[in-house]
Amino acid sequence: MLGADGEMYESSLRGRLKQGVVKLAVGDDVEVDPGEAGQAPTIATIHPRRSKLARRAPGSGYGERIVAANVDQVVIVFALVKPTPHPRMLDRFLVIAEANGLAARIVVNKVDLADEAAAQALFADYARIGYPLHLTSAKERRGLDALHEALQGRVSALSGPSGVGKSSLLNALYPGLGLRVGEISESVNKGRHTTVGALLHPLPDGGFVADTPGLREIGMWGLDPSRLAECFPEFRPLTALCRFADCTHTVEPGCEVRDALGRGEVSAARHDSYVKLREELEEASRLW
């Protein structure tokens, strides 16, 4: 537990909180009972959250898993290579950020391993939508000044797949953190999990950053299929212009989203992600 004085303390949950509906998450604001002399303090109260980054419980689990609480923004880190980036997975991260009402920015790390122009081209759709895009190299310290400024004074959750260099980036930005850094497994081209639990780190020039575990899967939770289009910023100005109020933006005539797709104003890849995610949410609604 991080105290108001900036020091780390060991503490435990009071008994009734262990059985409570609200589960403690990194970033939660709490009240602590210091206890008797010689005893460890206990967390007595979890205050209401002003925001949260939540996803579906991993695997086939049913329910919500809160990754971080009380954050201002989600910083989604992908690597340009090693591991190969998958834009459809990025779309999942962005939808979850949007569904939780959180600002998002995208970091493309390891640009020293490939052509930076390739990164610009691969992620051009996201920059065009308006997501801030940072091209970085922790090894060569490229792009770190702008990222440093984006983190300063904010509570940020760093998320993304395993092995993309989240811990390396934080170590380059703030050498005093000393986070573990793992190697990439060549056999599966996926990173080993070196961050085993989310930790909230105070930043020396203001703000906090939660370094979350690398995610090999990320599922949406609590999002009605009819709300999915709201989580695609480029769709939002168009949906009210559709012929049908309950348009799914997949097959209906008079759909302004699909018309914009035909005019090249909406990315075909992003629309394809939307269709696949909507199918997934509809299937989940039937199952649950």
C-alpha atoms as a PDB file:
ATOM      1  CA  MET A   1       0.000   0.000   0.000  1.00  0.00           C
ATOM      2  CA  LEU A   2       1.231   3.483  -0.900  1.00  0.00           C
ATOM      3  CA  GLY A   3       0.677   5.939   1.919  1.00  0.00           C
ATOM      4  CA  ALA A   4      -0.132   9.629   1.643  1.00  0.00           C
ATOM      5  CA  ASP A   5       3.495  10.302   2.606  1.00  0.00           C
ATOM      6  CA  GLY A   6       4.741   8.423  -0.463  1.00  0.00           C
ATOM      7  CA  GLU A   7       6.071   5.473   1.546  1.00  0.00           C
ATOM      8  CA  MET A   8       5.124   1.816   0.990  1.00  0.00           C
ATOM      9  CA  TYR A   9       3.386  -0.065   3.819  1.00  0.00           C
ATOM     10  CA  GLU A  10       2.261  -3.638   4.310  1.00  0.00           C
ATOM     11  CA  SER A  11      -1.395  -3.918   5.160  1.00  0.00           C
ATOM     12  CA  SER A  12      -4.260  -6.388   5.038  1.00  0.00           C
ATOM     13  CA  LEU A  13      -7.977  -6.163   4.331  1.00  0.00           C
ATOM     14  CA  ARG A  14     -10.356  -5.990   7.259  1.00  0.00           C
ATOM     15  CA  GLY A  15     -12.398  -9.175   7.470  1.00  0.00           C
ATOM     16  CA  ARG A  16     -15.690  -7.776   6.227  1.00  0.00           C
ATOM     17  CA  LEU A  17     -13.991  -6.310   3.133  1.00  0.00           C
ATOM     18  CA  LYS A  18     -12.612  -9.724   2.168  1.00  0.00           C
ATOM     19  CA  GLN A  19     -16.171 -10.957   1.774  1.00  0.00           C
ATOM     20  CA  GLY A  20     -17.493  -7.780   0.164  1.00  0.00           C
ATOM     21  CA  VAL A  21     -18.822  -7.273  -3.350  1.00  0.00           C
ATOM     22  CA  VAL A  22     -16.228  -4.580  -4.091  1.00  0.00           C
ATOM     23  CA  LYS A  23     -12.791  -6.126  -4.552  1.00  0.00           C
ATOM     24  CA  LEU A  24      -9.678  -4.067  -3.881  1.00  0.00           C
ATOM     25  CA  ALA A  25      -7.851  -2.957  -7.027  1.00  0.00           C
ATOM     26  CA  VAL A  26      -4.629  -1.101  -7.660  1.00  0.00           C
ATOM     27  CA  GLY A  27      -5.313   2.631  -7.571  1.00  0.00           C
ATOM     28  CA  ASP A  28      -8.132   2.424  -5.031  1.00  0.00           C
ATOM     29  CA  ASP A  29      -8.327   5.178  -2.420  1.00  0.00           C
ATOM     30  CA  VAL A  30      -8.699   3.614   1.013  1.00  0.00           C
ATOM     31  CA  GLU A  31      -8.867   4.460   4.687  1.00  0.00           C
ATOM     32  CA  VAL A  32      -6.509   2.574   6.977  1.00  0.00           C
ATOM     33  CA  ASP A  33      -6.810   1.590  10.623  1.00  0.00           C
ATOM     34  CA  PRO A  34      -3.279   1.779  12.058  1.00  0.00           C
ATOM     35  CA  GLY A  35      -4.135  -0.824  14.720  1.00  0.00           C
ATOM     36  CA  GLU A  36      -2.352  -1.467  17.956  1.00  0.00           C
ATOM     37  CA  ALA A  37       1.379  -1.002  18.417  1.00  0.00           C
ATOM     38  CA  GLY A  38       3.302  -3.786  16.705  1.00  0.00           C
ATOM     39  CA  GLN A  39       0.376  -4.770  14.482  1.00  0.00           C
ATOM     40  CA  ALA A  40       0.151  -4.289  10.722  1.00  0.00           C
ATOM     41  CA  PRO A  41      -2.405  -1.692   9.607  1.00  0.00           C
ATOM     42  CA  THR A  42      -5.644  -2.880   8.058  1.00  0.00           C
ATOM     43  CA  ILE A  43      -7.633  -1.410   5.188  1.00  0.00           C
ATOM     44  CA  ALA A  44     -10.963  -0.434   6.696  1.00  0.00           C
ATOM     45  CA  THR A  45     -12.740   1.361   3.841  1.00  0.00           C
ATOM     46  CA  ILE A  46     -12.542   1.391   0.045  1.00  0.00           C
ATOM     47  CA  HIS A  47     -13.756   4.752  -1.249  1.00  0.00           C
ATOM     48  CA  PRO A  48     -16.008   5.000  -4.332  1.00  0.00           C
ATOM     49  CA  ARG A  49     -14.060   5.017  -7.596  1.00  0.00           C
ATOM     50  CA  ARG A  50     -14.115   7.976  -9.952  1.00  0.00           C
ATOM     51  CA  SER A  51     -13.046   5.714 -12.836  1.00  0.00           C
ATOM     52  CA  LYS A  52     -11.919   2.189 -13.566  1.00  0.00           C
ATOM     53  CA  LEU A  53     -10.248   0.132 -16.248  1.00  0.00           C
ATOM     54  CA  ALA A  54     -12.103  -3.179 -16.293  1.00  0.00           C
ATOM     55  CA  ARG A  55     -12.227  -6.232 -18.525  1.00  0.00           C
ATOM     56  CA  ARG A  56     -13.876  -9.627 -18.495  1.00  0.00           C
ATOM     57  CA  ALA A  57     -12.371 -12.187 -16.157  1.00  0.00           C
ATOM     58  CA  PRO A  58      -9.724 -14.106 -18.140  1.00  0.00           C
ATOM     59  CA  GLY A  59     -10.290 -17.512 -19.683  1.00  0.00           C
ATOM     60  CA  SER A  60     -13.905 -18.650 -19.646  1.00  0.00           C
ATOM     61  CA  GLY A  61     -14.583 -16.749 -16.433  1.00  0.00           C
ATOM     62  CA  TYR A  62     -17.808 -14.860 -15.885  1.00  0.00           C
ATOM     63  CA  GLY A  63     -17.560 -11.441 -14.313  1.00  0.00           C
ATOM     64  CA  GLU A  64     -15.548  -8.275 -14.221  1.00  0.00           C
ATOM     65  CA  ARG A  65     -11.826  -7.988 -13.476  1.00  0.00           C
ATOM     66  CA  ILE A  66     -10.718  -4.480 -12.546  1.00  0.00           C
ATOM     67  CA  VAL A  67      -7.218  -3.825 -13.870  1.00  0.00           C
ATOM     68  CA  ALA A  68      -6.805  -0.392 -12.243  1.00  0.00           C
ATOM     69  CA  ALA A  69      -8.987   2.160 -10.458  1.00  0.00           C
ATOM     70  CA  ASN A  70      -9.076   5.970 -10.382  1.00  0.00           C
ATOM     71  CA  VAL A  71      -6.997   6.413 -13.536  1.00  0.00           C
ATOM     72  CA  ASP A  72      -7.065   9.396 -15.890  1.00  0.00           C
ATOM     73  CA  GLN A  73      -5.868   7.675 -19.043  1.00  0.00           C
ATOM     74  CA  VAL A  74      -4.947   4.329 -20.541  1.00  0.00           C
ATOM     75  CA  VAL A  75      -1.609   4.103 -22.319  1.00  0.00           C
ATOM     76  CA  ILE A  76      -1.730   1.103 -24.654  1.00  0.00           C
ATOM     77  CA  VAL A  77       1.721  -0.156 -25.598  1.00  0.00           C
ATOM     78  CA  PHE A  78       2.381  -2.324 -28.648  1.00  0.00           C
ATOM     79  CA  ALA A  79       5.698  -3.222 -30.254  1.00  0.00           C
ATOM     80  CA  LEU A  80       6.388  -2.578 -33.913  1.00  0.00           C
ATOM     81  CA  VAL A  81       8.064  -6.017 -34.065  1.00  0.00           C
ATOM     82  CA  LYS A  82       8.869  -8.797 -31.584  1.00  0.00           C
ATOM     83  CA  PRO A  83       6.033  -9.470 -30.919  1.00  0.00           C
ATOM     84  CA  THR A  84       4.179  -8.656 -34.114  1.00  0.00           C
ATOM     85  CA  PRO A  85       1.409  -6.100 -33.468  1.00  0.00           C
ATOM     86  CA  HIS A  86      -2.193  -7.119 -34.043  1.00  0.00           C
ATOM     87  CA  PRO A  87      -4.430  -4.097 -34.708  1.00  0.00           C
ATOM     88  CA  ARG A  88      -7.570  -6.080 -33.887  1.00  0.00           C
ATOM     89  CA  MET A  89      -6.242  -6.629 -30.368  1.00  0.00           C
ATOM     90  CA  LEU A  90      -5.503  -2.910 -30.162  1.00  0.00           C
ATOM     91  CA  ASP A  91      -9.128  -2.256 -31.097  1.00  0.00           C
ATOM     92  CA  ARG A  92     -10.170  -4.359 -28.105  1.00  0.00           C
ATOM     93  CA  PHE A  93      -8.037  -2.295 -25.740  1.00  0.00           C
ATOM     94  CA  LEU A  94      -9.433   0.927 -27.194  1.00  0.00           C
ATOM     95  CA  VAL A  95     -13.037  -0.267 -26.925  1.00  0.00           C
ATOM     96  CA  ILE A  96     -12.507  -1.181 -23.272  1.00  0.00           C
ATOM     97  CA  ALA A  97     -10.986   2.241 -22.581  1.00  0.00           C
ATOM     98  CA  GLU A  98     -13.877   3.975 -24.374  1.00  0.00           C
ATOM     99  CA  ALA A  99     -16.489   1.829 -22.581  1.00  0.00           C
ATOM    100  CA  ASN A 100     -14.941   2.855 -19.259  1.00  0.00           C
ATOM    101  CA  GLY A 101     -14.956   6.530 -20.254  1.00  0.00           C
ATOM    102  CA  LEU A 102     -11.159   6.790 -20.224  1.00  0.00           C
ATOM    103  CA  ALA A 103      -8.902   8.742 -22.551  1.00  0.00           C
ATOM    104  CA  ALA A 104      -6.482   6.518 -24.451  1.00  0.00           C
ATOM    105  CA  ARG A 105      -3.163   7.018 -26.182  1.00  0.00           C
ATOM    106  CA  ILE A 106      -1.140   4.513 -28.213  1.00  0.00           C
ATOM    107  CA  VAL A 107       2.564   3.822 -27.848  1.00  0.00           C
ATOM    108  CA  VAL A 108       4.394   1.891 -30.583  1.00  0.00           C
ATOM    109  CA  ASN A 109       7.653   0.732 -29.029  1.00  0.00           C
ATOM    110  CA  LYS A 110      10.788  -0.860 -30.512  1.00  0.00           C
ATOM    111  CA  VAL A 111      10.782   1.387 -33.590  1.00  0.00           C
ATOM    112  CA  ASP A 112      14.572   0.952 -33.652  1.00  0.00           C
ATOM    113  CA  LEU A 113      13.994  -2.610 -34.905  1.00  0.00           C
ATOM    114  CA  ALA A 114      12.143  -1.578 -38.073  1.00  0.00           C
ATOM    115  CA  ASP A 115      11.366   1.361 -40.328  1.00  0.00           C
ATOM    116  CA  GLU A 116       9.602   4.141 -38.427  1.00  0.00           C
ATOM    117  CA  ALA A 117       7.617   4.933 -41.583  1.00  0.00           C
ATOM    118  CA  ALA A 118       6.167   1.414 -41.351  1.00  0.00           C
ATOM    119  CA  ALA A 119       4.849   2.228 -37.889  1.00  0.00           C
ATOM    120  CA  GLN A 120       3.281   5.445 -39.155  1.00  0.00           C
ATOM    121  CA  ALA A 121       1.557   3.530 -41.954  1.00  0.00           C
ATOM    122  CA  LEU A 122       0.404   0.608 -39.779  1.00  0.00           C
ATOM    123  CA  PHE A 123      -1.162   2.857 -37.144  1.00  0.00           C
ATOM    124  CA  ALA A 124      -2.306   5.672 -39.451  1.00  0.00           C
ATOM    125  CA  ASP A 125      -5.997   4.858 -38.938  1.00  0.00           C
ATOM    126  CA  TYR A 126      -5.694   5.530 -35.208  1.00  0.00           C
ATOM    127  CA  ALA A 127      -3.872   8.826 -35.616  1.00  0.00           C
ATOM    128  CA  ARG A 128      -6.516   9.910 -38.129  1.00  0.00           C
ATOM    129  CA  ILE A 129      -9.283   9.114 -35.634  1.00  0.00           C
ATOM    130  CA  GLY A 130      -7.547  11.315 -33.092  1.00  0.00           C
ATOM    131  CA  TYR A 131      -5.787   8.935 -30.734  1.00  0.00           C
ATOM    132  CA  PRO A 132      -2.400  10.358 -29.664  1.00  0.00           C
ATOM    133  CA  LEU A 133       0.327   8.177 -31.196  1.00  0.00           C
ATOM    134  CA  HIS A 134       3.818   7.873 -29.689  1.00  0.00           C
ATOM    135  CA  LEU A 135       6.617   6.116 -31.599  1.00  0.00           C
ATOM    136  CA  THR A 136       9.276   5.112 -29.092  1.00  0.00           C
ATOM    137  CA  SER A 137      12.466   3.161 -28.571  1.00  0.00           C
ATOM    138  CA  ALA A 138      13.444   2.510 -24.972  1.00  0.00           C
ATOM    139  CA  LYS A 139      16.824   1.285 -26.216  1.00  0.00           C
ATOM    140  CA  GLU A 140      17.621   4.441 -28.212  1.00  0.00           C
ATOM    141  CA  ARG A 141      15.529   6.779 -26.025  1.00  0.00           C
ATOM    142  CA  ARG A 142      13.480   7.927 -29.007  1.00  0.00           C
ATOM    143  CA  GLY A 143      10.129   9.573 -28.416  1.00  0.00           C
ATOM    144  CA  LEU A 144      10.532   9.572 -24.643  1.00  0.00           C
ATOM    145  CA  ASP A 145      10.239  13.322 -24.079  1.00  0.00           C
ATOM    146  CA  ALA A 146       6.714  13.511 -25.506  1.00  0.00           C
ATOM    147  CA  LEU A 147       5.639  10.386 -23.620  1.00  0.00           C
ATOM    148  CA  HIS A 148       7.130  11.766 -20.404  1.00  0.00           C
ATOM    149  CA  GLU A 149       5.076  14.931 -20.835  1.00  0.00           C
ATOM    150  CA  ALA A 150       1.912  12.878 -21.460  1.00  0.00           C
ATOM    151  CA  LEU A 151       2.392  10.982 -18.179  1.00  0.00           C
ATOM    152  CA  GLN A 152       3.327  13.957 -16.030  1.00  0.00           C
ATOM    153  CA  GLY A 153       0.708  14.921 -13.459  1.00  0.00           C
ATOM    154  CA  ARG A 154      -1.724  12.171 -14.499  1.00  0.00           C
ATOM    155  CA  VAL A 155      -2.688   8.757 -13.182  1.00  0.00           C
ATOM    156  CA  SER A 156      -1.995   6.429 -16.092  1.00  0.00           C
ATOM    157  CA  ALA A 157      -2.520   2.717 -16.598  1.00  0.00           C
ATOM    158  CA  LEU A 158       0.004   1.124 -18.947  1.00  0.00           C
ATOM    159  CA  SER A 159      -1.512  -1.852 -20.669  1.00  0.00           C
ATOM    160  CA  GLY A 160      -0.871  -4.005 -23.685  1.00  0.00           C
ATOM    161  CA  PRO A 161       0.287  -7.472 -24.723  1.00  0.00           C
ATOM    162  CA  SER A 162       3.216  -9.251 -23.085  1.00  0.00           C
ATOM    163  CA  GLY A 163       6.729  -8.523 -24.274  1.00  0.00           C
ATOM    164  CA  VAL A 164       6.128  -5.138 -25.884  1.00  0.00           C
ATOM    165  CA  GLY A 165       8.495  -3.343 -23.510  1.00  0.00           C
ATOM    166  CA  LYS A 166       6.228  -1.598 -20.993  1.00  0.00           C
ATOM    167  CA  SER A 167       8.677  -2.100 -18.129  1.00  0.00           C
ATOM    168  CA  SER A 168      11.635  -1.140 -20.336  1.00  0.00           C
ATOM    169  CA  LEU A 169       9.869   2.084 -21.277  1.00  0.00           C
ATOM    170  CA  LEU A 170       9.184   2.961 -17.662  1.00  0.00           C
ATOM    171  CA  ASN A 171      12.782   2.180 -16.703  1.00  0.00           C
ATOM    172  CA  ALA A 172      14.009   4.457 -19.503  1.00  0.00           C
ATOM    173  CA  LEU A 173      11.641   7.240 -18.481  1.00  0.00           C
ATOM    174  CA  TYR A 174      12.235   6.860 -14.734  1.00  0.00           C
ATOM    175  CA  PRO A 175      15.502   4.987 -14.049  1.00  0.00           C
ATOM    176  CA  GLY A 176      14.795   4.758 -10.329  1.00  0.00           C
ATOM    177  CA  LEU A 177      11.871   2.367 -10.786  1.00  0.00           C
ATOM    178  CA  GLY A 178      14.116  -0.639 -11.543  1.00  0.00           C
ATOM    179  CA  LEU A 179      11.328  -2.819 -12.981  1.00  0.00           C
ATOM    180  CA  ARG A 180      12.039  -6.359 -14.161  1.00  0.00           C
ATOM    181  CA  VAL A 181      12.456  -6.768 -17.911  1.00  0.00           C
ATOM    182  CA  GLY A 182      11.860 -10.074 -19.676  1.00  0.00           C
ATOM    183  CA  GLU A 183      13.048 -11.611 -22.926  1.00  0.00           C
ATOM    184  CA  ILE A 184      10.900 -12.538 -25.888  1.00  0.00           C
ATOM    185  CA  SER A 185      10.300 -16.230 -26.432  1.00  0.00           C
ATOM    186  CA  GLU A 186      11.390 -16.839 -30.032  1.00  0.00           C
ATOM    187  CA  SER A 187       9.361 -20.051 -30.256  1.00  0.00           C
ATOM    188  CA  VAL A 188       6.003 -18.332 -29.764  1.00  0.00           C
ATOM    189  CA  ASN A 189       6.957 -14.691 -30.429  1.00  0.00           C
ATOM    190  CA  LYS A 190       5.251 -13.690 -27.187  1.00  0.00           C
ATOM    191  CA  GLY A 191       6.722 -12.104 -24.119  1.00  0.00           C
ATOM    192  CA  ARG A 192       7.202 -13.850 -20.831  1.00  0.00           C
ATOM    193  CA  HIS A 193       5.125 -12.337 -18.049  1.00  0.00           C
ATOM    194  CA  THR A 194       7.556 -10.319 -15.951  1.00  0.00           C
ATOM    195  CA  THR A 195       4.930  -8.086 -14.303  1.00  0.00           C
ATOM    196  CA  VAL A 196       2.883 -10.466 -12.176  1.00  0.00           C
ATOM    197  CA  GLY A 197       0.564  -7.913 -10.583  1.00  0.00           C
ATOM    198  CA  ALA A 198      -0.365  -4.321 -11.213  1.00  0.00           C
ATOM    199  CA  LEU A 199       1.653  -1.829  -9.169  1.00  0.00           C
ATOM    200  CA  LEU A 200       1.051   1.902  -8.798  1.00  0.00           C
ATOM    201  CA  HIS A 201       4.304   3.838  -9.035  1.00  0.00           C
ATOM    202  CA  PRO A 202       4.551   7.479  -7.944  1.00  0.00           C
ATOM    203  CA  LEU A 203       6.374   9.535 -10.560  1.00  0.00           C
ATOM    204  CA  PRO A 204       9.124  11.913  -9.442  1.00  0.00           C
ATOM    205  CA  ASP A 205       7.659  14.912 -11.250  1.00  0.00           C
ATOM    206  CA  GLY A 206       4.016  14.297 -10.400  1.00  0.00           C
ATOM    207  CA  GLY A 207       1.438  11.680 -11.226  1.00  0.00           C
ATOM    208  CA  PHE A 208       1.309   7.920 -10.943  1.00  0.00           C
ATOM    209  CA  VAL A 209       1.583   5.047 -13.370  1.00  0.00           C
ATOM    210  CA  ALA A 210       0.156   1.564 -12.962  1.00  0.00           C
ATOM    211  CA  ASP A 211       2.329  -1.000 -14.715  1.00  0.00           C
ATOM    212  CA  THR A 212      -0.188  -3.760 -15.415  1.00  0.00           C
ATOM    213  CA  PRO A 213       0.538  -7.402 -16.265  1.00  0.00           C
ATOM    214  CA  GLY A 214       0.980  -8.209 -19.944  1.00  0.00           C
ATOM    215  CA  LEU A 215      -2.288  -9.471 -21.376  1.00  0.00           C
ATOM    216  CA  ARG A 216      -2.468 -12.316 -23.858  1.00  0.00           C
ATOM    217  CA  GLU A 217      -6.225 -12.065 -24.022  1.00  0.00           C
ATOM    218  CA  ILE A 218      -8.583  -9.239 -23.219  1.00  0.00           C
ATOM    219  CA  GLY A 219     -12.323  -9.654 -23.135  1.00  0.00           C
ATOM    220  CA  MET A 220     -15.029  -7.031 -22.897  1.00  0.00           C
ATOM    221  CA  TRP A 221     -17.394  -7.070 -19.951  1.00  0.00           C
ATOM    222  CA  GLY A 222     -20.712  -5.368 -19.283  1.00  0.00           C
ATOM    223  CA  LEU A 223     -20.948  -3.746 -22.715  1.00  0.00           C
ATOM    224  CA  ASP A 224     -24.304  -4.035 -24.461  1.00  0.00           C
ATOM    225  CA  PRO A 225     -23.857  -4.780 -28.196  1.00  0.00           C
ATOM    226  CA  SER A 226     -26.005  -1.759 -29.028  1.00  0.00           C
ATOM    227  CA  ARG A 227     -23.442   0.508 -27.290  1.00  0.00           C
ATOM    228  CA  LEU A 228     -20.423  -0.809 -29.171  1.00  0.00           C
ATOM    229  CA  ALA A 229     -20.627   1.806 -31.938  1.00  0.00           C
ATOM    230  CA  GLU A 230     -20.246   4.529 -29.283  1.00  0.00           C
ATOM    231  CA  CYS A 231     -16.814   3.070 -28.511  1.00  0.00           C
ATOM    232  CA  PHE A 232     -15.595   3.761 -32.070  1.00  0.00           C
ATOM    233  CA  PRO A 233     -15.011   7.551 -32.146  1.00  0.00           C
ATOM    234  CA  GLU A 234     -15.178   7.733 -35.943  1.00  0.00           C
ATOM    235  CA  PHE A 235     -18.666   6.158 -35.881  1.00  0.00           C
ATOM    236  CA  ARG A 236     -20.184   8.549 -33.342  1.00  0.00           C
ATOM    237  CA  PRO A 237     -20.931  11.484 -35.703  1.00  0.00           C
ATOM    238  CA  LEU A 238     -22.536   9.082 -38.189  1.00  0.00           C
ATOM    239  CA  THR A 239     -24.849   6.821 -36.198  1.00  0.00           C
ATOM    240  CA  ALA A 240     -27.584   9.445 -35.709  1.00  0.00           C
ATOM    241  CA  LEU A 241     -27.818   9.794 -39.511  1.00  0.00           C
ATOM    242  CA  CYS A 242     -28.673   6.128 -40.136  1.00  0.00           C
ATOM    243  CA  ARG A 243     -32.136   5.354 -41.525  1.00  0.00           C
ATOM    244  CA  PHE A 244     -32.980   3.020 -38.632  1.00  0.00           C
ATOM    245  CA  ALA A 245     -32.613   4.034 -34.994  1.00  0.00           C
ATOM    246  CA  ASP A 246     -31.549   0.493 -34.055  1.00  0.00           C
ATOM    247  CA  CYS A 247     -29.072   0.156 -36.930  1.00  0.00           C
ATOM    248  CA  THR A 248     -26.315  -2.368 -36.205  1.00  0.00           C
ATOM    249  CA  HIS A 249     -24.056  -0.828 -38.886  1.00  0.00           C
ATOM    250  CA  THR A 250     -23.451  -4.257 -40.381  1.00  0.00           C
ATOM    251  CA  VAL A 251     -26.087  -5.042 -43.064  1.00  0.00           C
ATOM    252  CA  GLU A 252     -28.868  -2.446 -42.956  1.00  0.00           C
ATOM    253  CA  PRO A 253     -29.678  -0.198 -45.952  1.00  0.00           C
ATOM    254  CA  GLY A 254     -29.401   3.499 -45.276  1.00  0.00           C
ATOM    255  CA  CYS A 255     -26.575   2.988 -42.794  1.00  0.00           C
ATOM    256  CA  GLU A 256     -24.396   6.123 -42.756  1.00  0.00           C
ATOM    257  CA  VAL A 257     -21.472   4.187 -41.228  1.00  0.00           C
ATOM    258  CA  ARG A 258     -21.473   1.719 -44.108  1.00  0.00           C
ATOM    259  CA  ASP A 259     -21.890   4.548 -46.615  1.00  0.00           C
ATOM    260  CA  ALA A 260     -18.861   6.278 -45.093  1.00  0.00           C
ATOM    261  CA  LEU A 261     -17.011   2.971 -45.344  1.00  0.00           C
ATOM    262  CA  GLY A 262     -17.807   2.854 -49.063  1.00  0.00           C
ATOM    263  CA  ARG A 263     -16.514   6.407 -49.475  1.00  0.00           C
ATOM    264  CA  GLY A 264     -13.258   5.495 -47.734  1.00  0.00           C
ATOM    265  CA  GLU A 265     -14.015   7.775 -44.775  1.00  0.00           C
ATOM    266  CA  VAL A 266     -14.143   4.848 -42.333  1.00  0.00           C
ATOM    267  CA  SER A 267     -11.338   2.308 -42.201  1.00  0.00           C
ATOM    268  CA  ALA A 268     -12.300  -1.116 -43.549  1.00  0.00           C
ATOM    269  CA  ALA A 269     -10.066  -2.777 -40.946  1.00  0.00           C
ATOM    270  CA  ARG A 270     -11.691  -0.861 -38.104  1.00  0.00           C
ATOM    271  CA  HIS A 271     -15.190  -1.662 -39.379  1.00  0.00           C
ATOM    272  CA  ASP A 272     -14.218  -5.318 -39.653  1.00  0.00           C
ATOM    273  CA  SER A 273     -13.046  -5.209 -36.017  1.00  0.00           C
ATOM    274  CA  TYR A 274     -16.378  -3.643 -35.070  1.00  0.00           C
ATOM    275  CA  VAL A 275     -18.316  -6.433 -36.780  1.00  0.00           C
ATOM    276  CA  LYS A 276     -16.263  -9.168 -35.107  1.00  0.00           C
ATOM    277  CA  LEU A 277     -16.523  -7.538 -31.677  1.00  0.00           C
ATOM    278  CA  ARG A 278     -20.260  -7.089 -32.038  1.00  0.00           C
ATOM    279  CA  GLU A 279     -20.661 -10.762 -32.906  1.00  0.00           C
ATOM    280  CA  GLU A 280     -18.634 -11.645 -29.817  1.00  0.00           C
ATOM    281  CA  LEU A 281     -20.763  -9.414 -27.565  1.00  0.00           C
ATOM    282  CA  GLU A 282     -23.999 -10.813 -28.986  1.00  0.00           C
ATOM    283  CA  GLU A 283     -22.787 -14.363 -28.373  1.00  0.00           C
ATOM    284  CA  ALA A 284     -21.746 -13.445 -24.830  1.00  0.00           C
ATOM    285  CA  SER A 285     -25.193 -11.937 -24.201  1.00  0.00           C
ATOM    286  CA  ARG A 286     -26.818 -15.212 -25.254  1.00  0.00           C
ATOM    287  CA  LEU A 287     -24.515 -17.275 -23.031  1.00  0.00           C
ATOM    288  CA  TRP A 288     -24.747 -15.061 -19.934  1.00  0.00           C
END
